[in-house]
Amino acid sequence: MKNGATDSGTNSSLAIVETLQRIGEVPESFPVWPGARQASPAIRKATVERFPYLIAFEQHKDYALVLGVAHQKRRPLYWLARASRATA
């Protein structure tokens, strides 16, 4: 039982790393977060394959800023306060 939990944790960590790599390669391929279409910079979401996690990130010109890795059902918007504020 203990190995199963460790394997699951390792697998989820690897899946998160793979998703972060995809974000780094093609951030514009991920959808804009619903309700955040007016945000500047754009807030996008990436689903972690095989696990119930989302990665929220801002797409900037030269980089992507990860706001949070969130469980889809537990406090999914906890990271929102970390989003950049648009300046006029």
C-alpha atoms as a PDB file:
ATOM      1  CA  MET A   1       0.000   0.000   0.000  1.00  0.00           C
ATOM      2  CA  LYS A   2       2.808   2.366   0.852  1.00  0.00           C
ATOM      3  CA  ASN A   3       4.495   1.849  -2.532  1.00  0.00           C
ATOM      4  CA  GLY A   4       1.237   2.560  -4.349  1.00  0.00           C
ATOM      5  CA  ALA A   5       0.911   5.932  -2.646  1.00  0.00           C
ATOM      6  CA  THR A   6       4.546   6.747  -3.436  1.00  0.00           C
ATOM      7  CA  ASP A   7       4.133   5.686  -7.055  1.00  0.00           C
ATOM      8  CA  SER A   8       1.003   7.814  -7.376  1.00  0.00           C
ATOM      9  CA  GLY A   9       2.807  10.841  -5.928  1.00  0.00           C
ATOM     10  CA  THR A  10       5.776  10.314  -8.227  1.00  0.00           C
ATOM     11  CA  ASN A  11       3.515   9.860 -11.232  1.00  0.00           C
ATOM     12  CA  SER A  12       1.527  13.005 -10.470  1.00  0.00           C
ATOM     13  CA  SER A  13       4.751  14.985 -10.011  1.00  0.00           C
ATOM     14  CA  LEU A  14       6.030  13.750 -13.365  1.00  0.00           C
ATOM     15  CA  ALA A  15       2.727  14.620 -15.043  1.00  0.00           C
ATOM     16  CA  ILE A  16       2.921  18.142 -13.586  1.00  0.00           C
ATOM     17  CA  VAL A  17       6.501  18.555 -14.832  1.00  0.00           C
ATOM     18  CA  GLU A  18       5.463  17.373 -18.314  1.00  0.00           C
ATOM     19  CA  THR A  19       2.608  19.884 -18.336  1.00  0.00           C
ATOM     20  CA  LEU A  20       4.944  22.680 -17.256  1.00  0.00           C
ATOM     21  CA  GLN A  21       7.288  21.762 -20.109  1.00  0.00           C
ATOM     22  CA  ARG A  22       4.389  21.987 -22.589  1.00  0.00           C
ATOM     23  CA  ILE A  23       3.439  25.380 -21.140  1.00  0.00           C
ATOM     24  CA  GLY A  24       7.015  26.551 -21.665  1.00  0.00           C
ATOM     25  CA  GLU A  25       7.044  25.338 -25.262  1.00  0.00           C
ATOM     26  CA  VAL A  26       3.615  26.466 -26.500  1.00  0.00           C
ATOM     27  CA  PRO A  27       1.757  28.558 -23.907  1.00  0.00           C
ATOM     28  CA  GLU A  28      -0.684  29.922 -26.475  1.00  0.00           C
ATOM     29  CA  SER A  29      -1.993  26.408 -27.155  1.00  0.00           C
ATOM     30  CA  PHE A  30      -3.821  26.362 -23.812  1.00  0.00           C
ATOM     31  CA  PRO A  31      -7.273  27.903 -23.430  1.00  0.00           C
ATOM     32  CA  VAL A  32      -7.857  31.215 -21.706  1.00  0.00           C
ATOM     33  CA  TRP A  33      -9.385  30.709 -18.260  1.00  0.00           C
ATOM     34  CA  PRO A  34     -13.174  31.166 -18.435  1.00  0.00           C
ATOM     35  CA  GLY A  35     -14.106  34.587 -17.118  1.00  0.00           C
ATOM     36  CA  ALA A  36     -10.555  35.893 -17.553  1.00  0.00           C
ATOM     37  CA  ARG A  37     -10.742  36.926 -21.191  1.00  0.00           C
ATOM     38  CA  GLN A  38     -10.320  40.592 -20.294  1.00  0.00           C
ATOM     39  CA  ALA A  39      -7.285  39.984 -18.096  1.00  0.00           C
ATOM     40  CA  SER A  40      -3.984  41.394 -19.193  1.00  0.00           C
ATOM     41  CA  PRO A  41      -1.803  39.407 -19.333  1.00  0.00           C
ATOM     42  CA  ALA A  42      -3.978  36.496 -20.390  1.00  0.00           C
ATOM     43  CA  ILE A  43      -4.641  33.860 -17.728  1.00  0.00           C
ATOM     44  CA  ARG A  44      -4.619  30.382 -19.227  1.00  0.00           C
ATOM     45  CA  LYS A  45      -5.209  26.909 -17.854  1.00  0.00           C
ATOM     46  CA  ALA A  46      -3.473  23.643 -18.537  1.00  0.00           C
ATOM     47  CA  THR A  47      -4.970  20.316 -17.512  1.00  0.00           C
ATOM     48  CA  VAL A  48      -2.549  17.779 -16.040  1.00  0.00           C
ATOM     49  CA  GLU A  49      -3.115  14.528 -17.925  1.00  0.00           C
ATOM     50  CA  ARG A  50      -4.354  11.549 -15.876  1.00  0.00           C
ATOM     51  CA  PHE A  51      -4.759  13.641 -12.698  1.00  0.00           C
ATOM     52  CA  PRO A  52      -7.435  16.051 -11.437  1.00  0.00           C
ATOM     53  CA  TYR A  53      -5.145  19.089 -11.459  1.00  0.00           C
ATOM     54  CA  LEU A  54      -5.054  22.330 -13.408  1.00  0.00           C
ATOM     55  CA  ILE A  55      -2.151  24.719 -13.780  1.00  0.00           C
ATOM     56  CA  ALA A  56      -3.132  28.384 -13.941  1.00  0.00           C
ATOM     57  CA  PHE A  57      -0.594  30.643 -15.619  1.00  0.00           C
ATOM     58  CA  GLU A  58      -0.215  34.078 -17.131  1.00  0.00           C
ATOM     59  CA  GLN A  59       1.128  34.277 -20.644  1.00  0.00           C
ATOM     60  CA  HIS A  60       3.633  37.111 -20.908  1.00  0.00           C
ATOM     61  CA  LYS A  61       5.595  38.074 -24.002  1.00  0.00           C
ATOM     62  CA  ASP A  62       8.806  36.276 -23.029  1.00  0.00           C
ATOM     63  CA  TYR A  63       7.687  33.841 -20.342  1.00  0.00           C
ATOM     64  CA  ALA A  64       4.795  32.114 -18.601  1.00  0.00           C
ATOM     65  CA  LEU A  65       4.207  32.827 -14.912  1.00  0.00           C
ATOM     66  CA  VAL A  66       2.643  29.913 -13.016  1.00  0.00           C
ATOM     67  CA  LEU A  67       0.029  31.180 -10.571  1.00  0.00           C
ATOM     68  CA  GLY A  68      -0.823  27.846  -9.064  1.00  0.00           C
ATOM     69  CA  VAL A  69      -1.336  24.121  -9.398  1.00  0.00           C
ATOM     70  CA  ALA A  70      -4.874  23.442  -8.211  1.00  0.00           C
ATOM     71  CA  HIS A  71      -7.059  20.406  -7.674  1.00  0.00           C
ATOM     72  CA  GLN A  72     -10.088  20.767  -9.943  1.00  0.00           C
ATOM     73  CA  LYS A  73     -12.561  20.241  -7.080  1.00  0.00           C
ATOM     74  CA  ARG A  74     -10.768  21.656  -4.023  1.00  0.00           C
ATOM     75  CA  ARG A  75     -10.268  25.411  -3.809  1.00  0.00           C
ATOM     76  CA  PRO A  76      -9.725  25.643  -7.569  1.00  0.00           C
ATOM     77  CA  LEU A  77      -9.309  29.451  -7.597  1.00  0.00           C
ATOM     78  CA  TYR A  78      -7.034  29.883  -4.569  1.00  0.00           C
ATOM     79  CA  TRP A  79      -4.321  31.265  -6.865  1.00  0.00           C
ATOM     80  CA  LEU A  80      -6.441  34.122  -8.263  1.00  0.00           C
ATOM     81  CA  ALA A  81      -5.006  36.704  -5.849  1.00  0.00           C
ATOM     82  CA  ARG A  82      -1.579  36.023  -7.394  1.00  0.00           C
ATOM     83  CA  ALA A  83      -2.619  37.234 -10.835  1.00  0.00           C
ATOM     84  CA  SER A  84      -0.971  40.399 -12.138  1.00  0.00           C
ATOM     85  CA  ARG A  85      -3.059  43.493 -12.015  1.00  0.00           C
ATOM     86  CA  ALA A  86      -3.458  45.310 -15.315  1.00  0.00           C
ATOM     87  CA  THR A  87      -2.091  48.821 -15.153  1.00  0.00           C
ATOM     88  CA  ALA A  88      -3.445  51.664 -17.206  1.00  0.00           C
END
